[in-house]
Amino acid sequence: MLYIINHSPYHDDNLLNALRFAQPGNAFVLIADAVTAACTGNPISEAITYAMQNSNVYVLQDDLDARGIDAVLIEGMRMIDYTAFVDLTLKHQHCVSW
């Protein structure tokens, strides 16, 4: 399962809820305002760090750049471009947008 998250953790609990449903081997892509969750010190950074033990978490580089975010990313967070994002959607049989 690929979870595509587009809301900031400062806006709603979508990412936190998705993390609760995740199974080992699932993947997450943080896009749009959700890229703020990739930075250290966000309200759910501990939950993301814990989830990264069993899941891959990616952040879209272009959305970080568009928001002028150059903060320190959570250790293990992987930055990807649009091509890699498309590849992830093709790799996973099911994709869910939150």
PDB file of N, CA and C in Angstrom:
ATOM      1  N   MET A   1       0.847  -1.168   0.000  1.00  0.00           N
ATOM      2  CA  MET A   1       0.000   0.000   0.000  1.00  0.00           C
ATOM      3  C   MET A   1       0.898   1.239   0.000  1.00  0.00           C
ATOM      4  N   LEU A   2       0.535   2.192  -0.829  1.00  0.00           N
ATOM      5  CA  LEU A   2       1.216   3.486  -0.865  1.00  0.00           C
ATOM      6  C   LEU A   2       0.243   4.532  -0.356  1.00  0.00           C
ATOM      7  N   TYR A   3       0.625   5.212   0.703  1.00  0.00           N
ATOM      8  CA  TYR A   3      -0.174   6.299   1.249  1.00  0.00           C
ATOM      9  C   TYR A   3       0.393   7.612   0.728  1.00  0.00           C
ATOM     10  N   ILE A   4      -0.452   8.409   0.116  1.00  0.00           N
ATOM     11  CA  ILE A   4      -0.047   9.722  -0.391  1.00  0.00           C
ATOM     12  C   ILE A   4      -0.709  10.758   0.508  1.00  0.00           C
ATOM     13  N   ILE A   5       0.110  11.505   1.203  1.00  0.00           N
ATOM     14  CA  ILE A   5      -0.387  12.450   2.197  1.00  0.00           C
ATOM     15  C   ILE A   5      -0.137  13.864   1.689  1.00  0.00           C
ATOM     16  N   ASN A   6      -1.197  14.712   1.741  1.00  0.00           N
ATOM     17  CA  ASN A   6      -1.025  16.072   1.225  1.00  0.00           C
ATOM     18  C   ASN A   6      -1.380  17.182   2.214  1.00  0.00           C
ATOM     19  N   HIS A   7      -1.782  16.837   3.428  1.00  0.00           N
ATOM     20  CA  HIS A   7      -2.106  17.863   4.425  1.00  0.00           C
ATOM     21  C   HIS A   7      -1.034  17.921   5.509  1.00  0.00           C
ATOM     22  N   SER A   8      -0.778  19.104   5.948  1.00  0.00           N
ATOM     23  CA  SER A   8       0.190  19.332   7.014  1.00  0.00           C
ATOM     24  C   SER A   8      -0.305  18.717   8.326  1.00  0.00           C
ATOM     25  N   PRO A   9       0.612  18.207   9.163  1.00  0.00           N
ATOM     26  CA  PRO A   9       0.189  17.713  10.481  1.00  0.00           C
ATOM     27  C   PRO A   9      -0.286  18.852  11.377  1.00  0.00           C
ATOM     28  N   TYR A  10      -0.044  20.089  10.962  1.00  0.00           N
ATOM     29  CA  TYR A  10      -0.541  21.250  11.699  1.00  0.00           C
ATOM     30  C   TYR A  10      -1.991  21.550  11.332  1.00  0.00           C
ATOM     31  N   HIS A  11      -2.472  20.920  10.248  1.00  0.00           N
ATOM     32  CA  HIS A  11      -3.816  21.186   9.730  1.00  0.00           C
ATOM     33  C   HIS A  11      -4.829  20.130  10.180  1.00  0.00           C
ATOM     34  N   ASP A  12      -4.444  18.861  10.094  1.00  0.00           N
ATOM     35  CA  ASP A  12      -5.355  17.784  10.478  1.00  0.00           C
ATOM     36  C   ASP A  12      -4.552  16.547  10.889  1.00  0.00           C
ATOM     37  N   ASP A  13      -5.261  15.475  11.191  1.00  0.00           N
ATOM     38  CA  ASP A  13      -4.621  14.246  11.668  1.00  0.00           C
ATOM     39  C   ASP A  13      -4.496  13.178  10.588  1.00  0.00           C
ATOM     40  N   ASN A  14      -4.591  13.544   9.321  1.00  0.00           N
ATOM     41  CA  ASN A  14      -4.559  12.547   8.243  1.00  0.00           C
ATOM     42  C   ASN A  14      -3.308  11.682   8.275  1.00  0.00           C
ATOM     43  N   LEU A  15      -2.159  12.301   8.399  1.00  0.00           N
ATOM     44  CA  LEU A  15      -0.922  11.519   8.407  1.00  0.00           C
ATOM     45  C   LEU A  15      -0.861  10.617   9.633  1.00  0.00           C
ATOM     46  N   LEU A  16      -1.198  11.147  10.776  1.00  0.00           N
ATOM     47  CA  LEU A  16      -1.172  10.343  12.002  1.00  0.00           C
ATOM     48  C   LEU A  16      -2.129   9.155  11.879  1.00  0.00           C
ATOM     49  N   ASN A  17      -3.304   9.375  11.330  1.00  0.00           N
ATOM     50  CA  ASN A  17      -4.260   8.280  11.133  1.00  0.00           C
ATOM     51  C   ASN A  17      -3.732   7.257  10.134  1.00  0.00           C
ATOM     52  N   ALA A  18      -3.131   7.718   9.065  1.00  0.00           N
ATOM     53  CA  ALA A  18      -2.561   6.792   8.077  1.00  0.00           C
ATOM     54  C   ALA A  18      -1.453   5.956   8.702  1.00  0.00           C
ATOM     55  N   LEU A  19      -0.635   6.569   9.540  1.00  0.00           N
ATOM     56  CA  LEU A  19       0.435   5.838  10.219  1.00  0.00           C
ATOM     57  C   LEU A  19      -0.137   4.726  11.097  1.00  0.00           C
ATOM     58  N   ARG A  20      -1.292   4.980  11.683  1.00  0.00           N
ATOM     59  CA  ARG A  20      -1.927   3.970  12.550  1.00  0.00           C
ATOM     60  C   ARG A  20      -2.405   2.757  11.756  1.00  0.00           C
ATOM     61  N   PHE A  21      -2.812   2.970  10.507  1.00  0.00           N
ATOM     62  CA  PHE A  21      -3.318   1.882   9.671  1.00  0.00           C
ATOM     63  C   PHE A  21      -2.215   1.140   8.923  1.00  0.00           C
ATOM     64  N   ALA A  22      -1.045   1.696   8.895  1.00  0.00           N
ATOM     65  CA  ALA A  22       0.042   1.135   8.083  1.00  0.00           C
ATOM     66  C   ALA A  22       0.450  -0.254   8.551  1.00  0.00           C
ATOM     67  N   GLN A  23       0.807  -1.046   7.579  1.00  0.00           N
ATOM     68  CA  GLN A  23       1.327  -2.385   7.809  1.00  0.00           C
ATOM     69  C   GLN A  23       2.804  -2.390   7.413  1.00  0.00           C
ATOM     70  N   PRO A  24       3.585  -3.295   7.961  1.00  0.00           N
ATOM     71  CA  PRO A  24       4.994  -3.375   7.553  1.00  0.00           C
ATOM     72  C   PRO A  24       5.111  -3.497   6.029  1.00  0.00           C
ATOM     73  N   GLY A  25       6.020  -2.739   5.470  1.00  0.00           N
ATOM     74  CA  GLY A  25       6.229  -2.746   4.028  1.00  0.00           C
ATOM     75  C   GLY A  25       5.445  -1.698   3.274  1.00  0.00           C
ATOM     76  N   ASN A  26       4.507  -1.027   3.946  1.00  0.00           N
ATOM     77  CA  ASN A  26       3.793   0.065   3.295  1.00  0.00           C
ATOM     78  C   ASN A  26       4.741   1.238   3.086  1.00  0.00           C
ATOM     79  N   ALA A  27       4.340   2.153   2.232  1.00  0.00           N
ATOM     80  CA  ALA A  27       5.166   3.329   1.962  1.00  0.00           C
ATOM     81  C   ALA A  27       4.295   4.584   2.042  1.00  0.00           C
ATOM     82  N   PHE A  28       4.943   5.687   2.335  1.00  0.00           N
ATOM     83  CA  PHE A  28       4.282   6.983   2.444  1.00  0.00           C
ATOM     84  C   PHE A  28       5.022   7.980   1.571  1.00  0.00           C
ATOM     85  N   VAL A  29       4.261   8.829   0.890  1.00  0.00           N
ATOM     86  CA  VAL A  29       4.845   9.950   0.165  1.00  0.00           C
ATOM     87  C   VAL A  29       4.197  11.224   0.700  1.00  0.00           C
ATOM     88  N   LEU A  30       5.015  12.125   1.180  1.00  0.00           N
ATOM     89  CA  LEU A  30       4.543  13.410   1.683  1.00  0.00           C
ATOM     90  C   LEU A  30       4.648  14.423   0.555  1.00  0.00           C
ATOM     91  N   ILE A  31       3.503  14.986   0.175  1.00  0.00           N
ATOM     92  CA  ILE A  31       3.454  15.971  -0.904  1.00  0.00           C
ATOM     93  C   ILE A  31       2.729  17.213  -0.407  1.00  0.00           C
ATOM     94  N   ALA A  32       2.728  18.253  -1.227  1.00  0.00           N
ATOM     95  CA  ALA A  32       2.029  19.501  -0.913  1.00  0.00           C
ATOM     96  C   ALA A  32       2.400  19.953   0.501  1.00  0.00           C
ATOM     97  N   ASP A  33       1.414  20.360   1.306  1.00  0.00           N
ATOM     98  CA  ASP A  33       1.710  20.872   2.645  1.00  0.00           C
ATOM     99  C   ASP A  33       2.166  19.799   3.624  1.00  0.00           C
ATOM    100  N   ALA A  34       1.994  18.536   3.269  1.00  0.00           N
ATOM    101  CA  ALA A  34       2.446  17.447   4.153  1.00  0.00           C
ATOM    102  C   ALA A  34       3.962  17.386   4.258  1.00  0.00           C
ATOM    103  N   VAL A  35       4.671  18.064   3.364  1.00  0.00           N
ATOM    104  CA  VAL A  35       6.138  18.029   3.433  1.00  0.00           C
ATOM    105  C   VAL A  35       6.657  18.609   4.741  1.00  0.00           C
ATOM    106  N   THR A  36       5.850  19.421   5.418  1.00  0.00           N
ATOM    107  CA  THR A  36       6.285  19.957   6.713  1.00  0.00           C
ATOM    108  C   THR A  36       6.473  18.839   7.733  1.00  0.00           C
ATOM    109  N   ALA A  37       5.804  17.710   7.523  1.00  0.00           N
ATOM    110  CA  ALA A  37       5.943  16.576   8.434  1.00  0.00           C
ATOM    111  C   ALA A  37       7.281  15.875   8.276  1.00  0.00           C
ATOM    112  N   ALA A  38       8.009  16.173   7.215  1.00  0.00           N
ATOM    113  CA  ALA A  38       9.316  15.552   6.993  1.00  0.00           C
ATOM    114  C   ALA A  38      10.406  16.201   7.829  1.00  0.00           C
ATOM    115  N   CYS A  39      10.119  17.340   8.418  1.00  0.00           N
ATOM    116  CA  CYS A  39      11.111  18.099   9.171  1.00  0.00           C
ATOM    117  C   CYS A  39      11.105  17.711  10.641  1.00  0.00           C
ATOM    118  N   THR A  40      12.266  17.774  11.238  1.00  0.00           N
ATOM    119  CA  THR A  40      12.359  17.490  12.671  1.00  0.00           C
ATOM    120  C   THR A  40      11.548  18.526  13.440  1.00  0.00           C
ATOM    121  N   GLY A  41      11.042  18.118  14.580  1.00  0.00           N
ATOM    122  CA  GLY A  41      10.337  19.046  15.454  1.00  0.00           C
ATOM    123  C   GLY A  41       8.875  19.259  15.121  1.00  0.00           C
ATOM    124  N   ASN A  42       8.326  18.524  14.155  1.00  0.00           N
ATOM    125  CA  ASN A  42       6.902  18.700  13.871  1.00  0.00           C
ATOM    126  C   ASN A  42       6.099  17.923  14.914  1.00  0.00           C
ATOM    127  N   PRO A  43       4.785  18.169  15.003  1.00  0.00           N
ATOM    128  CA  PRO A  43       3.988  17.549  16.081  1.00  0.00           C
ATOM    129  C   PRO A  43       3.976  16.023  16.092  1.00  0.00           C
ATOM    130  N   ILE A  44       4.266  15.384  14.973  1.00  0.00           N
ATOM    131  CA  ILE A  44       4.212  13.916  14.950  1.00  0.00           C
ATOM    132  C   ILE A  44       5.528  13.298  14.484  1.00  0.00           C
ATOM    133  N   SER A  45       6.615  14.016  14.642  1.00  0.00           N
ATOM    134  CA  SER A  45       7.905  13.497  14.180  1.00  0.00           C
ATOM    135  C   SER A  45       8.269  12.177  14.859  1.00  0.00           C
ATOM    136  N   GLU A  46       7.897  12.009  16.119  1.00  0.00           N
ATOM    137  CA  GLU A  46       8.192  10.741  16.799  1.00  0.00           C
ATOM    138  C   GLU A  46       7.402   9.596  16.175  1.00  0.00           C
ATOM    139  N   ALA A  47       6.146   9.843  15.824  1.00  0.00           N
ATOM    140  CA  ALA A  47       5.320   8.806  15.189  1.00  0.00           C
ATOM    141  C   ALA A  47       5.877   8.435  13.823  1.00  0.00           C
ATOM    142  N   ILE A  48       6.379   9.423  13.096  1.00  0.00           N
ATOM    143  CA  ILE A  48       6.971   9.157  11.779  1.00  0.00           C
ATOM    144  C   ILE A  48       8.253   8.344  11.944  1.00  0.00           C
ATOM    145  N   THR A  49       9.082   8.740  12.875  1.00  0.00           N
ATOM    146  CA  THR A  49      10.331   8.010  13.131  1.00  0.00           C
ATOM    147  C   THR A  49      10.033   6.557  13.492  1.00  0.00           C
ATOM    148  N   TYR A  50       9.035   6.331  14.310  1.00  0.00           N
ATOM    149  CA  TYR A  50       8.646   4.974  14.684  1.00  0.00           C
ATOM    150  C   TYR A  50       8.154   4.201  13.454  1.00  0.00           C
ATOM    151  N   ALA A  51       7.311   4.823  12.641  1.00  0.00           N
ATOM    152  CA  ALA A  51       6.767   4.165  11.447  1.00  0.00           C
ATOM    153  C   ALA A  51       7.868   3.809  10.457  1.00  0.00           C
ATOM    154  N   MET A  52       8.927   4.601  10.427  1.00  0.00           N
ATOM    155  CA  MET A  52      10.006   4.370   9.475  1.00  0.00           C
ATOM    156  C   MET A  52      10.801   3.101   9.788  1.00  0.00           C
ATOM    157  N   GLN A  53      10.540   2.488  10.923  1.00  0.00           N
ATOM    158  CA  GLN A  53      11.196   1.218  11.241  1.00  0.00           C
ATOM    159  C   GLN A  53      10.654   0.090  10.361  1.00  0.00           C
ATOM    160  N   ASN A  54       9.400   0.229   9.895  1.00  0.00           N
ATOM    161  CA  ASN A  54       8.756  -0.811   9.095  1.00  0.00           C
ATOM    162  C   ASN A  54       8.261  -0.339   7.736  1.00  0.00           C
ATOM    163  N   SER A  55       8.333   0.959   7.492  1.00  0.00           N
ATOM    164  CA  SER A  55       7.800   1.525   6.256  1.00  0.00           C
ATOM    165  C   SER A  55       8.798   2.527   5.680  1.00  0.00           C
ATOM    166  N   ASN A  56       8.732   2.700   4.373  1.00  0.00           N
ATOM    167  CA  ASN A  56       9.533   3.742   3.727  1.00  0.00           C
ATOM    168  C   ASN A  56       8.722   5.025   3.682  1.00  0.00           C
ATOM    169  N   VAL A  57       9.371   6.121   4.020  1.00  0.00           N
ATOM    170  CA  VAL A  57       8.707   7.421   3.986  1.00  0.00           C
ATOM    171  C   VAL A  57       9.513   8.334   3.077  1.00  0.00           C
ATOM    172  N   TYR A  58       8.822   8.915   2.116  1.00  0.00           N
ATOM    173  CA  TYR A  58       9.446   9.767   1.111  1.00  0.00           C
ATOM    174  C   TYR A  58       8.835  11.165   1.180  1.00  0.00           C
ATOM    175  N   VAL A  59       9.607  12.146   0.769  1.00  0.00           N
ATOM    176  CA  VAL A  59       9.108  13.515   0.680  1.00  0.00           C
ATOM    177  C   VAL A  59       9.439  14.046  -0.711  1.00  0.00           C
ATOM    178  N   LEU A  60       8.501  14.739  -1.313  1.00  0.00           N
ATOM    179  CA  LEU A  60       8.685  15.267  -2.655  1.00  0.00           C
ATOM    180  C   LEU A  60       9.534  16.533  -2.611  1.00  0.00           C
ATOM    181  N   GLN A  61      10.716  16.450  -3.202  1.00  0.00           N
ATOM    182  CA  GLN A  61      11.686  17.541  -3.176  1.00  0.00           C
ATOM    183  C   GLN A  61      11.108  18.845  -3.737  1.00  0.00           C
ATOM    184  N   ASP A  62      10.382  18.771  -4.838  1.00  0.00           N
ATOM    185  CA  ASP A  62       9.831  19.987  -5.450  1.00  0.00           C
ATOM    186  C   ASP A  62       8.877  20.718  -4.515  1.00  0.00           C
ATOM    187  N   ASP A  63       8.123  19.965  -3.703  1.00  0.00           N
ATOM    188  CA  ASP A  63       7.202  20.610  -2.768  1.00  0.00           C
ATOM    189  C   ASP A  63       7.946  21.230  -1.595  1.00  0.00           C
ATOM    190  N   LEU A  64       9.051  20.616  -1.179  1.00  0.00           N
ATOM    191  CA  LEU A  64       9.908  21.257  -0.174  1.00  0.00           C
ATOM    192  C   LEU A  64      10.444  22.578  -0.717  1.00  0.00           C
ATOM    193  N   ASP A  65      10.946  22.532  -1.945  1.00  0.00           N
ATOM    194  CA  ASP A  65      11.510  23.725  -2.572  1.00  0.00           C
ATOM    195  C   ASP A  65      10.459  24.815  -2.757  1.00  0.00           C
ATOM    196  N   ALA A  66       9.268  24.426  -3.178  1.00  0.00           N
ATOM    197  CA  ALA A  66       8.198  25.400  -3.436  1.00  0.00           C
ATOM    198  C   ALA A  66       7.792  26.127  -2.160  1.00  0.00           C
ATOM    199  N   ARG A  67       7.964  25.491  -1.027  1.00  0.00           N
ATOM    200  CA  ARG A  67       7.600  26.099   0.246  1.00  0.00           C
ATOM    201  C   ARG A  67       8.801  26.736   0.947  1.00  0.00           C
ATOM    202  N   GLY A  68       9.945  26.694   0.295  1.00  0.00           N
ATOM    203  CA  GLY A  68      11.142  27.303   0.866  1.00  0.00           C
ATOM    204  C   GLY A  68      11.628  26.586   2.109  1.00  0.00           C
ATOM    205  N   ILE A  69      11.326  25.291   2.195  1.00  0.00           N
ATOM    206  CA  ILE A  69      11.725  24.523   3.374  1.00  0.00           C
ATOM    207  C   ILE A  69      13.123  23.953   3.161  1.00  0.00           C
ATOM    208  N   ASP A  70      14.017  24.354   4.035  1.00  0.00           N
ATOM    209  CA  ASP A  70      15.361  23.792   4.004  1.00  0.00           C
ATOM    210  C   ASP A  70      15.764  23.347   5.404  1.00  0.00           C
ATOM    211  N   ALA A  71      14.743  23.044   6.213  1.00  0.00           N
ATOM    212  CA  ALA A  71      14.975  22.590   7.587  1.00  0.00           C
ATOM    213  C   ALA A  71      15.585  21.193   7.578  1.00  0.00           C
ATOM    214  N   VAL A  72      16.009  20.771   8.724  1.00  0.00           N
ATOM    215  CA  VAL A  72      16.586  19.441   8.873  1.00  0.00           C
ATOM    216  C   VAL A  72      15.475  18.401   8.768  1.00  0.00           C
ATOM    217  N   LEU A  73      15.681  17.434   7.872  1.00  0.00           N
ATOM    218  CA  LEU A  73      14.699  16.376   7.705  1.00  0.00           C
ATOM    219  C   LEU A  73      14.911  15.289   8.756  1.00  0.00           C
ATOM    220  N   ILE A  74      13.843  14.594   9.072  1.00  0.00           N
ATOM    221  CA  ILE A  74      13.916  13.465   9.990  1.00  0.00           C
ATOM    222  C   ILE A  74      14.904  12.453   9.415  1.00  0.00           C
ATOM    223  N   GLU A  75      15.754  11.912  10.275  1.00  0.00           N
ATOM    224  CA  GLU A  75      16.763  10.960   9.821  1.00  0.00           C
ATOM    225  C   GLU A  75      16.101   9.761   9.140  1.00  0.00           C
ATOM    226  N   GLY A  76      16.593   9.432   7.959  1.00  0.00           N
ATOM    227  CA  GLY A  76      16.044   8.322   7.191  1.00  0.00           C
ATOM    228  C   GLY A  76      14.990   8.726   6.179  1.00  0.00           C
ATOM    229  N   MET A  77      14.537   9.984   6.238  1.00  0.00           N
ATOM    230  CA  MET A  77      13.557  10.487   5.275  1.00  0.00           C
ATOM    231  C   MET A  77      14.219  10.539   3.906  1.00  0.00           C
ATOM    232  N   ARG A  78      13.522  10.068   2.902  1.00  0.00           N
ATOM    233  CA  ARG A  78      14.079  10.029   1.553  1.00  0.00           C
ATOM    234  C   ARG A  78      13.413  11.074   0.666  1.00  0.00           C
ATOM    235  N   MET A  79      14.228  11.933   0.067  1.00  0.00           N
ATOM    236  CA  MET A  79      13.702  12.921  -0.879  1.00  0.00           C
ATOM    237  C   MET A  79      13.611  12.272  -2.260  1.00  0.00           C
ATOM    238  N   ILE A  80      12.494  12.550  -2.948  1.00  0.00           N
ATOM    239  CA  ILE A  80      12.296  12.004  -4.287  1.00  0.00           C
ATOM    240  C   ILE A  80      11.826  13.104  -5.225  1.00  0.00           C
ATOM    241  N   ASP A  81      11.967  12.849  -6.524  1.00  0.00           N
ATOM    242  CA  ASP A  81      11.448  13.754  -7.530  1.00  0.00           C
ATOM    243  C   ASP A  81      10.156  13.157  -8.104  1.00  0.00           C
ATOM    244  N   TYR A  82       9.557  13.854  -9.077  1.00  0.00           N
ATOM    245  CA  TYR A  82       8.289  13.384  -9.637  1.00  0.00           C
ATOM    246  C   TYR A  82       8.423  12.029 -10.337  1.00  0.00           C
ATOM    247  N   THR A  83       9.537  11.786 -10.973  1.00  0.00           N
ATOM    248  CA  THR A  83       9.734  10.500 -11.649  1.00  0.00           C
ATOM    249  C   THR A  83       9.711   9.355 -10.638  1.00  0.00           C
ATOM    250  N   ALA A  84      10.394   9.528  -9.525  1.00  0.00           N
ATOM    251  CA  ALA A  84      10.398   8.502  -8.483  1.00  0.00           C
ATOM    252  C   ALA A  84       9.009   8.353  -7.864  1.00  0.00           C
ATOM    253  N   PHE A  85       8.277   9.450  -7.750  1.00  0.00           N
ATOM    254  CA  PHE A  85       6.906   9.406  -7.229  1.00  0.00           C
ATOM    255  C   PHE A  85       6.030   8.541  -8.139  1.00  0.00           C
ATOM    256  N   VAL A  86       6.118   8.768  -9.427  1.00  0.00           N
ATOM    257  CA  VAL A  86       5.348   7.968 -10.387  1.00  0.00           C
ATOM    258  C   VAL A  86       5.766   6.504 -10.295  1.00  0.00           C
ATOM    259  N   ASP A  87       7.056   6.253 -10.180  1.00  0.00           N
ATOM    260  CA  ASP A  87       7.546   4.877 -10.051  1.00  0.00           C
ATOM    261  C   ASP A  87       6.946   4.187  -8.818  1.00  0.00           C
ATOM    262  N   LEU A  88       6.828   4.930  -7.713  1.00  0.00           N
ATOM    263  CA  LEU A  88       6.229   4.357  -6.508  1.00  0.00           C
ATOM    264  C   LEU A  88       4.763   4.005  -6.727  1.00  0.00           C
ATOM    265  N   THR A  89       4.036   4.848  -7.448  1.00  0.00           N
ATOM    266  CA  THR A  89       2.625   4.547  -7.701  1.00  0.00           C
ATOM    267  C   THR A  89       2.481   3.312  -8.584  1.00  0.00           C
ATOM    268  N   LEU A  90       3.435   3.095  -9.473  1.00  0.00           N
ATOM    269  CA  LEU A  90       3.392   1.912 -10.331  1.00  0.00           C
ATOM    270  C   LEU A  90       3.812   0.649  -9.568  1.00  0.00           C
ATOM    271  N   LYS A  91       4.705   0.812  -8.622  1.00  0.00           N
ATOM    272  CA  LYS A  91       5.219  -0.317  -7.850  1.00  0.00           C
ATOM    273  C   LYS A  91       4.171  -0.881  -6.884  1.00  0.00           C
ATOM    274  N   HIS A  92       3.331  -0.008  -6.339  1.00  0.00           N
ATOM    275  CA  HIS A  92       2.343  -0.423  -5.345  1.00  0.00           C
ATOM    276  C   HIS A  92       0.983  -0.656  -6.016  1.00  0.00           C
ATOM    277  N   GLN A  93       0.408  -1.797  -5.731  1.00  0.00           N
ATOM    278  CA  GLN A  93      -0.870  -2.152  -6.340  1.00  0.00           C
ATOM    279  C   GLN A  93      -1.988  -1.214  -5.873  1.00  0.00           C
ATOM    280  N   HIS A  94      -1.924  -0.776  -4.621  1.00  0.00           N
ATOM    281  CA  HIS A  94      -2.953   0.096  -4.063  1.00  0.00           C
ATOM    282  C   HIS A  94      -2.329   1.400  -3.588  1.00  0.00           C
ATOM    283  N   CYS A  95      -2.980   2.502  -3.934  1.00  0.00           N
ATOM    284  CA  CYS A  95      -2.565   3.830  -3.489  1.00  0.00           C
ATOM    285  C   CYS A  95      -3.768   4.519  -2.838  1.00  0.00           C
ATOM    286  N   VAL A  96      -3.536   5.132  -1.703  1.00  0.00           N
ATOM    287  CA  VAL A  96      -4.583   5.836  -0.998  1.00  0.00           C
ATOM    288  C   VAL A  96      -4.108   7.253  -0.724  1.00  0.00           C
ATOM    289  N   SER A  97      -4.921   8.217  -1.093  1.00  0.00           N
ATOM    290  CA  SER A  97      -4.597   9.623  -0.815  1.00  0.00           C
ATOM    291  C   SER A  97      -5.338  10.085   0.435  1.00  0.00           C
ATOM    292  N   TRP A  98      -4.588  10.730   1.299  1.00  0.00           N
ATOM    293  CA  TRP A  98      -5.177  11.246   2.544  1.00  0.00           C
ATOM    294  C   TRP A  98      -5.058  12.739   2.542  1.00  0.00           C
TER     295      TRP A  98
END
